[in-house]
Amino acid sequence: GNVITYKDEIQLVSASNLASSSKYREWQTGIVTFNEETLADLVAELSRYTDKKVLIVDKGLEVLPISGVFHLRKIDDVITGLEAAFPLHILNQQDAILISRS
């Protein structure tokens, strides 16, 4: 099968073979690797693994480059790691996760 990727900010559609797509294989396990991708991209992935709304309060942070390996099924660990590695304050509320500048 194939994977289709759409990046709205640059209106780009790309297709790749499913077997060669490491992102897809990682996604199946709940572990994803980011290499200089944006915080907004990471938030989009996190949102798939929680019923909480994940919101970037400071819109300037949306383009913050993020690199790392994230276990998306362990949201609390991701939050702890992001706060330790980046200039972020993350408030984990009952119904939302709010991300702002620290």
PDB file of N, CA and C in Angstrom:
ATOM      1  N   GLY A   1       0.805  -1.180   0.000  1.00  0.00           N
ATOM      2  CA  GLY A   1       0.000   0.000   0.000  1.00  0.00           C
ATOM      3  C   GLY A   1       0.852   1.249   0.000  1.00  0.00           C
ATOM      4  N   ASN A   2       0.228   2.379  -0.106  1.00  0.00           N
ATOM      5  CA  ASN A   2       0.918   3.660  -0.134  1.00  0.00           C
ATOM      6  C   ASN A   2       0.474   4.543   1.013  1.00  0.00           C
ATOM      7  N   VAL A   3       1.336   5.479   1.361  1.00  0.00           N
ATOM      8  CA  VAL A   3       1.034   6.497   2.361  1.00  0.00           C
ATOM      9  C   VAL A   3       1.003   7.820   1.636  1.00  0.00           C
ATOM     10  N   ILE A   4      -0.016   8.621   1.880  1.00  0.00           N
ATOM     11  CA  ILE A   4      -0.074   9.956   1.298  1.00  0.00           C
ATOM     12  C   ILE A   4       0.069  10.955   2.428  1.00  0.00           C
ATOM     13  N   THR A   5       0.956  11.920   2.228  1.00  0.00           N
ATOM     14  CA  THR A   5       1.207  12.952   3.222  1.00  0.00           C
ATOM     15  C   THR A   5       0.792  14.293   2.636  1.00  0.00           C
ATOM     16  N   TYR A   6       0.058  15.081   3.411  1.00  0.00           N
ATOM     17  CA  TYR A   6      -0.349  16.419   2.966  1.00  0.00           C
ATOM     18  C   TYR A   6       0.132  17.420   3.987  1.00  0.00           C
ATOM     19  N   LYS A   7       0.887  18.410   3.543  1.00  0.00           N
ATOM     20  CA  LYS A   7       1.356  19.484   4.412  1.00  0.00           C
ATOM     21  C   LYS A   7       0.619  20.749   4.001  1.00  0.00           C
ATOM     22  N   ASP A   8      -0.336  21.147   4.809  1.00  0.00           N
ATOM     23  CA  ASP A   8      -1.209  22.273   4.495  1.00  0.00           C
ATOM     24  C   ASP A   8      -0.443  23.580   4.333  1.00  0.00           C
ATOM     25  N   GLU A   9       0.557  23.807   5.194  1.00  0.00           N
ATOM     26  CA  GLU A   9       1.238  25.093   5.175  1.00  0.00           C
ATOM     27  C   GLU A   9       1.962  25.363   3.860  1.00  0.00           C
ATOM     28  N   ILE A  10       2.330  24.299   3.135  1.00  0.00           N
ATOM     29  CA  ILE A  10       2.989  24.509   1.846  1.00  0.00           C
ATOM     30  C   ILE A  10       2.201  23.876   0.709  1.00  0.00           C
ATOM     31  N   GLN A  11       1.022  23.386   0.995  1.00  0.00           N
ATOM     32  CA  GLN A  11       0.123  22.758   0.040  1.00  0.00           C
ATOM     33  C   GLN A  11       0.862  21.735  -0.817  1.00  0.00           C
ATOM     34  N   LEU A  12       1.462  20.769  -0.149  1.00  0.00           N
ATOM     35  CA  LEU A  12       2.239  19.729  -0.803  1.00  0.00           C
ATOM     36  C   LEU A  12       1.629  18.371  -0.484  1.00  0.00           C
ATOM     37  N   VAL A  13       1.440  17.600  -1.517  1.00  0.00           N
ATOM     38  CA  VAL A  13       0.992  16.232  -1.349  1.00  0.00           C
ATOM     39  C   VAL A  13       2.106  15.343  -1.854  1.00  0.00           C
ATOM     40  N   SER A  14       2.502  14.372  -1.041  1.00  0.00           N
ATOM     41  CA  SER A  14       3.525  13.434  -1.488  1.00  0.00           C
ATOM     42  C   SER A  14       3.076  12.021  -1.162  1.00  0.00           C
ATOM     43  N   ALA A  15       3.514  11.089  -1.973  1.00  0.00           N
ATOM     44  CA  ALA A  15       3.165   9.690  -1.769  1.00  0.00           C
ATOM     45  C   ALA A  15       4.438   8.888  -1.597  1.00  0.00           C
ATOM     46  N   SER A  16       4.379   7.873  -0.752  1.00  0.00           N
ATOM     47  CA  SER A  16       5.516   6.987  -0.574  1.00  0.00           C
ATOM     48  C   SER A  16       4.997   5.577  -0.368  1.00  0.00           C
ATOM     49  N   ASN A  17       5.835   4.615  -0.610  1.00  0.00           N
ATOM     50  CA  ASN A  17       5.478   3.219  -0.426  1.00  0.00           C
ATOM     51  C   ASN A  17       5.318   2.936   1.051  1.00  0.00           C
ATOM     52  N   LEU A  18       4.242   2.290   1.435  1.00  0.00           N
ATOM     53  CA  LEU A  18       3.957   2.003   2.832  1.00  0.00           C
ATOM     54  C   LEU A  18       5.077   1.197   3.485  1.00  0.00           C
ATOM     55  N   ALA A  19       5.634   0.233   2.765  1.00  0.00           N
ATOM     56  CA  ALA A  19       6.677  -0.618   3.334  1.00  0.00           C
ATOM     57  C   ALA A  19       7.934   0.161   3.666  1.00  0.00           C
ATOM     58  N   SER A  20       8.192   1.250   2.941  1.00  0.00           N
ATOM     59  CA  SER A  20       9.417   2.015   3.188  1.00  0.00           C
ATOM     60  C   SER A  20       9.183   3.215   4.089  1.00  0.00           C
ATOM     61  N   SER A  21       7.979   3.403   4.539  1.00  0.00           N
ATOM     62  CA  SER A  21       7.665   4.568   5.357  1.00  0.00           C
ATOM     63  C   SER A  21       7.923   4.264   6.834  1.00  0.00           C
ATOM     64  N   SER A  22       9.066   4.746   7.339  1.00  0.00           N
ATOM     65  CA  SER A  22       9.390   4.485   8.747  1.00  0.00           C
ATOM     66  C   SER A  22       8.404   5.186   9.664  1.00  0.00           C
ATOM     67  N   LYS A  23       7.903   6.354   9.265  1.00  0.00           N
ATOM     68  CA  LYS A  23       6.911   7.055  10.090  1.00  0.00           C
ATOM     69  C   LYS A  23       5.687   6.172  10.309  1.00  0.00           C
ATOM     70  N   TYR A  24       5.240   5.495   9.253  1.00  0.00           N
ATOM     71  CA  TYR A  24       4.063   4.657   9.393  1.00  0.00           C
ATOM     72  C   TYR A  24       4.341   3.485  10.332  1.00  0.00           C
ATOM     73  N   ARG A  25       5.482   2.840  10.157  1.00  0.00           N
ATOM     74  CA  ARG A  25       5.819   1.711  11.021  1.00  0.00           C
ATOM     75  C   ARG A  25       5.917   2.167  12.477  1.00  0.00           C
ATOM     76  N   GLU A  26       6.519   3.327  12.698  1.00  0.00           N
ATOM     77  CA  GLU A  26       6.622   3.848  14.058  1.00  0.00           C
ATOM     78  C   GLU A  26       5.236   4.160  14.613  1.00  0.00           C
ATOM     79  N   TRP A  27       4.393   4.749  13.799  1.00  0.00           N
ATOM     80  CA  TRP A  27       3.060   5.132  14.241  1.00  0.00           C
ATOM     81  C   TRP A  27       2.291   3.912  14.735  1.00  0.00           C
ATOM     82  N   GLN A  28       2.477   2.763  14.073  1.00  0.00           N
ATOM     83  CA  GLN A  28       1.778   1.552  14.481  1.00  0.00           C
ATOM     84  C   GLN A  28       2.147   1.144  15.904  1.00  0.00           C
ATOM     85  N   THR A  29       3.354   1.441  16.338  1.00  0.00           N
ATOM     86  CA  THR A  29       3.811   1.064  17.680  1.00  0.00           C
ATOM     87  C   THR A  29       3.570   2.163  18.706  1.00  0.00           C
ATOM     88  N   GLY A  30       3.169   3.339  18.252  1.00  0.00           N
ATOM     89  CA  GLY A  30       2.973   4.454  19.175  1.00  0.00           C
ATOM     90  C   GLY A  30       4.254   5.212  19.462  1.00  0.00           C
ATOM     91  N   ILE A  31       5.308   4.892  18.738  1.00  0.00           N
ATOM     92  CA  ILE A  31       6.593   5.567  18.906  1.00  0.00           C
ATOM     93  C   ILE A  31       6.904   6.287  17.604  1.00  0.00           C
ATOM     94  N   VAL A  32       7.176   7.594  17.694  1.00  0.00           N
ATOM     95  CA  VAL A  32       7.528   8.352  16.495  1.00  0.00           C
ATOM     96  C   VAL A  32       8.836   9.102  16.718  1.00  0.00           C
ATOM     97  N   THR A  33       9.562   9.281  15.646  1.00  0.00           N
ATOM     98  CA  THR A  33      10.809  10.024  15.667  1.00  0.00           C
ATOM     99  C   THR A  33      10.603  11.325  14.917  1.00  0.00           C
ATOM    100  N   PHE A  34      10.970  12.419  15.550  1.00  0.00           N
ATOM    101  CA  PHE A  34      10.891  13.725  14.916  1.00  0.00           C
ATOM    102  C   PHE A  34      12.304  14.249  14.711  1.00  0.00           C
ATOM    103  N   ASN A  35      12.579  14.753  13.530  1.00  0.00           N
ATOM    104  CA  ASN A  35      13.883  15.316  13.221  1.00  0.00           C
ATOM    105  C   ASN A  35      13.676  16.710  12.643  1.00  0.00           C
ATOM    106  N   GLU A  36      13.798  17.710  13.515  1.00  0.00           N
ATOM    107  CA  GLU A  36      13.609  19.103  13.106  1.00  0.00           C
ATOM    108  C   GLU A  36      12.223  19.352  12.508  1.00  0.00           C
ATOM    109  N   GLU A  37      11.212  18.687  13.068  1.00  0.00           N
ATOM    110  CA  GLU A  37       9.839  18.955  12.666  1.00  0.00           C
ATOM    111  C   GLU A  37       9.242  19.934  13.675  1.00  0.00           C
ATOM    112  N   THR A  38       8.076  20.447  13.400  1.00  0.00           N
ATOM    113  CA  THR A  38       7.532  21.503  14.245  1.00  0.00           C
ATOM    114  C   THR A  38       6.767  20.950  15.450  1.00  0.00           C
ATOM    115  N   LEU A  39       6.677  21.807  16.463  1.00  0.00           N
ATOM    116  CA  LEU A  39       5.865  21.473  17.630  1.00  0.00           C
ATOM    117  C   LEU A  39       4.419  21.224  17.195  1.00  0.00           C
ATOM    118  N   ALA A  40       3.939  21.972  16.223  1.00  0.00           N
ATOM    119  CA  ALA A  40       2.575  21.769  15.720  1.00  0.00           C
ATOM    120  C   ALA A  40       2.405  20.357  15.163  1.00  0.00           C
ATOM    121  N   ASP A  41       3.435  19.840  14.481  1.00  0.00           N
ATOM    122  CA  ASP A  41       3.372  18.466  13.969  1.00  0.00           C
ATOM    123  C   ASP A  41       3.300  17.459  15.114  1.00  0.00           C
ATOM    124  N   LEU A  42       4.103  17.690  16.151  1.00  0.00           N
ATOM    125  CA  LEU A  42       4.088  16.792  17.305  1.00  0.00           C
ATOM    126  C   LEU A  42       2.738  16.834  18.009  1.00  0.00           C
ATOM    127  N   VAL A  43       2.175  18.017  18.159  1.00  0.00           N
ATOM    128  CA  VAL A  43       0.862  18.162  18.792  1.00  0.00           C
ATOM    129  C   VAL A  43      -0.199  17.408  17.992  1.00  0.00           C
ATOM    130  N   ALA A  44      -0.113  17.464  16.674  1.00  0.00           N
ATOM    131  CA  ALA A  44      -1.070  16.727  15.834  1.00  0.00           C
ATOM    132  C   ALA A  44      -0.969  15.228  16.105  1.00  0.00           C
ATOM    133  N   GLU A  45       0.248  14.719  16.251  1.00  0.00           N
ATOM    134  CA  GLU A  45       0.437  13.301  16.562  1.00  0.00           C
ATOM    135  C   GLU A  45      -0.063  12.979  17.969  1.00  0.00           C
ATOM    136  N   LEU A  46       0.273  13.824  18.941  1.00  0.00           N
ATOM    137  CA  LEU A  46      -0.186  13.596  20.317  1.00  0.00           C
ATOM    138  C   LEU A  46      -1.700  13.528  20.394  1.00  0.00           C
ATOM    139  N   SER A  47      -2.353  14.375  19.637  1.00  0.00           N
ATOM    140  CA  SER A  47      -3.813  14.459  19.666  1.00  0.00           C
ATOM    141  C   SER A  47      -4.469  13.148  19.250  1.00  0.00           C
ATOM    142  N   ARG A  48      -3.754  12.350  18.496  1.00  0.00           N
ATOM    143  CA  ARG A  48      -4.297  11.063  18.051  1.00  0.00           C
ATOM    144  C   ARG A  48      -4.311  10.031  19.179  1.00  0.00           C
ATOM    145  N   TYR A  49      -3.574  10.291  20.245  1.00  0.00           N
ATOM    146  CA  TYR A  49      -3.400   9.312  21.323  1.00  0.00           C
ATOM    147  C   TYR A  49      -4.055   9.724  22.636  1.00  0.00           C
ATOM    148  N   THR A  50      -4.823  10.796  22.632  1.00  0.00           N
ATOM    149  CA  THR A  50      -5.485  11.240  23.852  1.00  0.00           C
ATOM    150  C   THR A  50      -6.855  11.820  23.526  1.00  0.00           C
ATOM    151  N   ASP A  51      -7.760  11.713  24.480  1.00  0.00           N
ATOM    152  CA  ASP A  51      -9.076  12.333  24.320  1.00  0.00           C
ATOM    153  C   ASP A  51      -9.046  13.805  24.690  1.00  0.00           C
ATOM    154  N   LYS A  52      -7.950  14.237  25.310  1.00  0.00           N
ATOM    155  CA  LYS A  52      -7.816  15.638  25.696  1.00  0.00           C
ATOM    156  C   LYS A  52      -7.498  16.490  24.471  1.00  0.00           C
ATOM    157  N   LYS A  53      -7.927  17.745  24.523  1.00  0.00           N
ATOM    158  CA  LYS A  53      -7.516  18.701  23.500  1.00  0.00           C
ATOM    159  C   LYS A  53      -6.079  19.099  23.802  1.00  0.00           C
ATOM    160  N   VAL A  54      -5.220  19.059  22.809  1.00  0.00           N
ATOM    161  CA  VAL A  54      -3.840  19.495  22.980  1.00  0.00           C
ATOM    162  C   VAL A  54      -3.712  20.811  22.232  1.00  0.00           C
ATOM    163  N   LEU A  55      -3.451  21.885  22.982  1.00  0.00           N
ATOM    164  CA  LEU A  55      -3.462  23.233  22.405  1.00  0.00           C
ATOM    165  C   LEU A  55      -2.145  23.951  22.642  1.00  0.00           C
ATOM    166  N   ILE A  56      -1.645  24.593  21.602  1.00  0.00           N
ATOM    167  CA  ILE A  56      -0.484  25.465  21.741  1.00  0.00           C
ATOM    168  C   ILE A  56      -1.034  26.863  21.982  1.00  0.00           C
ATOM    169  N   VAL A  57      -0.889  27.345  23.200  1.00  0.00           N
ATOM    170  CA  VAL A  57      -1.458  28.631  23.597  1.00  0.00           C
ATOM    171  C   VAL A  57      -0.712  29.774  22.922  1.00  0.00           C
ATOM    172  N   ASP A  58       0.609  29.699  22.906  1.00  0.00           N
ATOM    173  CA  ASP A  58       1.452  30.717  22.278  1.00  0.00           C
ATOM    174  C   ASP A  58       1.692  30.286  20.838  1.00  0.00           C
ATOM    175  N   LYS A  59       0.973  30.883  19.890  1.00  0.00           N
ATOM    176  CA  LYS A  59       1.021  30.461  18.489  1.00  0.00           C
ATOM    177  C   LYS A  59       2.423  30.564  17.893  1.00  0.00           C
ATOM    178  N   GLY A  60       3.287  31.395  18.457  1.00  0.00           N
ATOM    179  CA  GLY A  60       4.659  31.499  17.979  1.00  0.00           C
ATOM    180  C   GLY A  60       5.448  30.217  18.196  1.00  0.00           C
ATOM    181  N   LEU A  61       4.976  29.375  19.113  1.00  0.00           N
ATOM    182  CA  LEU A  61       5.650  28.109  19.388  1.00  0.00           C
ATOM    183  C   LEU A  61       5.327  27.026  18.360  1.00  0.00           C
ATOM    184  N   GLU A  62       4.326  27.233  17.541  1.00  0.00           N
ATOM    185  CA  GLU A  62       3.917  26.211  16.576  1.00  0.00           C
ATOM    186  C   GLU A  62       5.068  25.789  15.667  1.00  0.00           C
ATOM    187  N   VAL A  63       5.971  26.714  15.354  1.00  0.00           N
ATOM    188  CA  VAL A  63       7.073  26.421  14.428  1.00  0.00           C
ATOM    189  C   VAL A  63       8.365  26.031  15.147  1.00  0.00           C
ATOM    190  N   LEU A  64       8.311  25.881  16.467  1.00  0.00           N
ATOM    191  CA  LEU A  64       9.487  25.472  17.225  1.00  0.00           C
ATOM    192  C   LEU A  64       9.975  24.126  16.696  1.00  0.00           C
ATOM    193  N   PRO A  65      11.242  24.036  16.261  1.00  0.00           N
ATOM    194  CA  PRO A  65      11.740  22.754  15.751  1.00  0.00           C
ATOM    195  C   PRO A  65      11.929  21.745  16.881  1.00  0.00           C
ATOM    196  N   ILE A  66      11.425  20.559  16.655  1.00  0.00           N
ATOM    197  CA  ILE A  66      11.451  19.493  17.651  1.00  0.00           C
ATOM    198  C   ILE A  66      12.164  18.283  17.053  1.00  0.00           C
ATOM    199  N   SER A  67      13.077  17.722  17.829  1.00  0.00           N
ATOM    200  CA  SER A  67      13.724  16.464  17.450  1.00  0.00           C
ATOM    201  C   SER A  67      13.676  15.541  18.653  1.00  0.00           C
ATOM    202  N   GLY A  68      13.448  14.278  18.406  1.00  0.00           N
ATOM    203  CA  GLY A  68      13.436  13.311  19.487  1.00  0.00           C
ATOM    204  C   GLY A  68      12.600  12.103  19.146  1.00  0.00           C
ATOM    205  N   VAL A  69      12.650  11.120  20.016  1.00  0.00           N
ATOM    206  CA  VAL A  69      11.835   9.914  19.894  1.00  0.00           C
ATOM    207  C   VAL A  69      10.767   9.998  20.974  1.00  0.00           C
ATOM    208  N   PHE A  70       9.523   9.879  20.584  1.00  0.00           N
ATOM    209  CA  PHE A  70       8.415  10.074  21.507  1.00  0.00           C
ATOM    210  C   PHE A  70       7.526   8.834  21.556  1.00  0.00           C
ATOM    211  N   HIS A  71       7.222   8.387  22.771  1.00  0.00           N
ATOM    212  CA  HIS A  71       6.303   7.275  23.007  1.00  0.00           C
ATOM    213  C   HIS A  71       4.929   7.901  23.220  1.00  0.00           C
ATOM    214  N   LEU A  72       4.156   8.010  22.165  1.00  0.00           N
ATOM    215  CA  LEU A  72       2.918   8.778  22.207  1.00  0.00           C
ATOM    216  C   LEU A  72       1.845   8.164  23.094  1.00  0.00           C
ATOM    217  N   ARG A  73       1.971   6.911  23.415  1.00  0.00           N
ATOM    218  CA  ARG A  73       1.000   6.289  24.325  1.00  0.00           C
ATOM    219  C   ARG A  73       1.324   6.604  25.779  1.00  0.00           C
ATOM    220  N   LYS A  74       2.450   7.270  25.999  1.00  0.00           N
ATOM    221  CA  LYS A  74       2.861   7.686  27.350  1.00  0.00           C
ATOM    222  C   LYS A  74       2.887   9.211  27.387  1.00  0.00           C
ATOM    223  N   ILE A  75       1.708   9.806  27.326  1.00  0.00           N
ATOM    224  CA  ILE A  75       1.566  11.259  27.222  1.00  0.00           C
ATOM    225  C   ILE A  75       2.292  11.983  28.345  1.00  0.00           C
ATOM    226  N   ASP A  76       2.183  11.498  29.580  1.00  0.00           N
ATOM    227  CA  ASP A  76       2.835  12.170  30.707  1.00  0.00           C
ATOM    228  C   ASP A  76       4.353  12.201  30.524  1.00  0.00           C
ATOM    229  N   ASP A  77       4.920  11.116  29.998  1.00  0.00           N
ATOM    230  CA  ASP A  77       6.366  11.084  29.741  1.00  0.00           C
ATOM    231  C   ASP A  77       6.760  12.065  28.647  1.00  0.00           C
ATOM    232  N   VAL A  78       5.927  12.178  27.629  1.00  0.00           N
ATOM    233  CA  VAL A  78       6.197  13.133  26.547  1.00  0.00           C
ATOM    234  C   VAL A  78       6.199  14.554  27.101  1.00  0.00           C
ATOM    235  N   ILE A  79       5.210  14.868  27.930  1.00  0.00           N
ATOM    236  CA  ILE A  79       5.110  16.206  28.524  1.00  0.00           C
ATOM    237  C   ILE A  79       6.337  16.512  29.378  1.00  0.00           C
ATOM    238  N   THR A  80       6.723  15.561  30.221  1.00  0.00           N
ATOM    239  CA  THR A  80       7.897  15.754  31.077  1.00  0.00           C
ATOM    240  C   THR A  80       9.150  15.984  30.232  1.00  0.00           C
ATOM    241  N   GLY A  81       9.312  15.188  29.184  1.00  0.00           N
ATOM    242  CA  GLY A  81      10.471  15.325  28.310  1.00  0.00           C
ATOM    243  C   GLY A  81      10.492  16.643  27.559  1.00  0.00           C
ATOM    244  N   LEU A  82       9.345  17.072  27.064  1.00  0.00           N
ATOM    245  CA  LEU A  82       9.276  18.347  26.336  1.00  0.00           C
ATOM    246  C   LEU A  82       9.634  19.517  27.242  1.00  0.00           C
ATOM    247  N   GLU A  83       9.103  19.505  28.463  1.00  0.00           N
ATOM    248  CA  GLU A  83       9.402  20.596  29.395  1.00  0.00           C
ATOM    249  C   GLU A  83      10.875  20.619  29.789  1.00  0.00           C
ATOM    250  N   ALA A  84      11.489  19.452  29.878  1.00  0.00           N
ATOM    251  CA  ALA A  84      12.902  19.379  30.256  1.00  0.00           C
ATOM    252  C   ALA A  84      13.825  19.820  29.121  1.00  0.00           C
ATOM    253  N   ALA A  85      13.423  19.549  27.887  1.00  0.00           N
ATOM    254  CA  ALA A  85      14.313  19.774  26.750  1.00  0.00           C
ATOM    255  C   ALA A  85      14.073  21.085  26.004  1.00  0.00           C
ATOM    256  N   PHE A  86      12.904  21.665  26.151  1.00  0.00           N
ATOM    257  CA  PHE A  86      12.537  22.850  25.379  1.00  0.00           C
ATOM    258  C   PHE A  86      11.996  23.936  26.313  1.00  0.00           C
ATOM    259  N   PRO A  87      12.009  25.186  25.853  1.00  0.00           N
ATOM    260  CA  PRO A  87      11.515  26.287  26.697  1.00  0.00           C
ATOM    261  C   PRO A  87       9.982  26.325  26.748  1.00  0.00           C
ATOM    262  N   LEU A  88       9.403  25.267  27.321  1.00  0.00           N
ATOM    263  CA  LEU A  88       7.954  25.122  27.336  1.00  0.00           C
ATOM    264  C   LEU A  88       7.433  24.934  28.747  1.00  0.00           C
ATOM    265  N   HIS A  89       6.213  25.418  28.961  1.00  0.00           N
ATOM    266  CA  HIS A  89       5.455  25.107  30.169  1.00  0.00           C
ATOM    267  C   HIS A  89       4.209  24.380  29.677  1.00  0.00           C
ATOM    268  N   ILE A  90       3.964  23.200  30.220  1.00  0.00           N
ATOM    269  CA  ILE A  90       2.824  22.405  29.771  1.00  0.00           C
ATOM    270  C   ILE A  90       1.918  22.125  30.958  1.00  0.00           C
ATOM    271  N   LEU A  91       0.684  22.549  30.830  1.00  0.00           N
ATOM    272  CA  LEU A  91      -0.318  22.364  31.872  1.00  0.00           C
ATOM    273  C   LEU A  91      -1.236  21.220  31.451  1.00  0.00           C
ATOM    274  N   ASN A  92      -1.184  20.122  32.191  1.00  0.00           N
ATOM    275  CA  ASN A  92      -1.975  18.943  31.875  1.00  0.00           C
ATOM    276  C   ASN A  92      -3.243  18.973  32.721  1.00  0.00           C
ATOM    277  N   GLN A  93      -4.314  19.475  32.146  1.00  0.00           N
ATOM    278  CA  GLN A  93      -5.588  19.590  32.846  1.00  0.00           C
ATOM    279  C   GLN A  93      -6.441  18.348  32.604  1.00  0.00           C
ATOM    280  N   GLN A  94      -7.579  18.303  33.251  1.00  0.00           N
ATOM    281  CA  GLN A  94      -8.463  17.147  33.131  1.00  0.00           C
ATOM    282  C   GLN A  94      -8.925  16.935  31.684  1.00  0.00           C
ATOM    283  N   ASP A  95      -9.225  18.028  30.970  1.00  0.00           N
ATOM    284  CA  ASP A  95      -9.777  17.876  29.622  1.00  0.00           C
ATOM    285  C   ASP A  95      -8.906  18.478  28.519  1.00  0.00           C
ATOM    286  N   ALA A  96      -7.744  19.034  28.887  1.00  0.00           N
ATOM    287  CA  ALA A  96      -6.884  19.668  27.880  1.00  0.00           C
ATOM    288  C   ALA A  96      -5.439  19.676  28.331  1.00  0.00           C
ATOM    289  N   ILE A  97      -4.555  19.732  27.342  1.00  0.00           N
ATOM    290  CA  ILE A  97      -3.135  19.915  27.568  1.00  0.00           C
ATOM    291  C   ILE A  97      -2.773  21.237  26.906  1.00  0.00           C
ATOM    292  N   LEU A  98      -2.319  22.192  27.720  1.00  0.00           N
ATOM    293  CA  LEU A  98      -2.033  23.537  27.231  1.00  0.00           C
ATOM    294  C   LEU A  98      -0.520  23.768  27.204  1.00  0.00           C
ATOM    295  N   ILE A  99      -0.018  24.162  26.042  1.00  0.00           N
ATOM    296  CA  ILE A  99       1.419  24.367  25.867  1.00  0.00           C
ATOM    297  C   ILE A  99       1.691  25.844  25.668  1.00  0.00           C
ATOM    298  N   SER A 100       2.582  26.375  26.500  1.00  0.00           N
ATOM    299  CA  SER A 100       2.957  27.791  26.388  1.00  0.00           C
ATOM    300  C   SER A 100       4.467  27.922  26.591  1.00  0.00           C
ATOM    301  N   ARG A 101       4.948  29.114  26.392  1.00  0.00           N
ATOM    302  CA  ARG A 101       6.375  29.402  26.580  1.00  0.00           C
ATOM    303  C   ARG A 101       6.671  29.462  28.075  1.00  0.00           C
ATOM    304  N   SER A 102       7.813  28.899  28.482  1.00  0.00           N
ATOM    305  CA  SER A 102       8.148  28.916  29.910  1.00  0.00           C
ATOM    306  C   SER A 102       8.765  30.245  30.309  1.00  0.00           C
TER     307      SER A 102
END
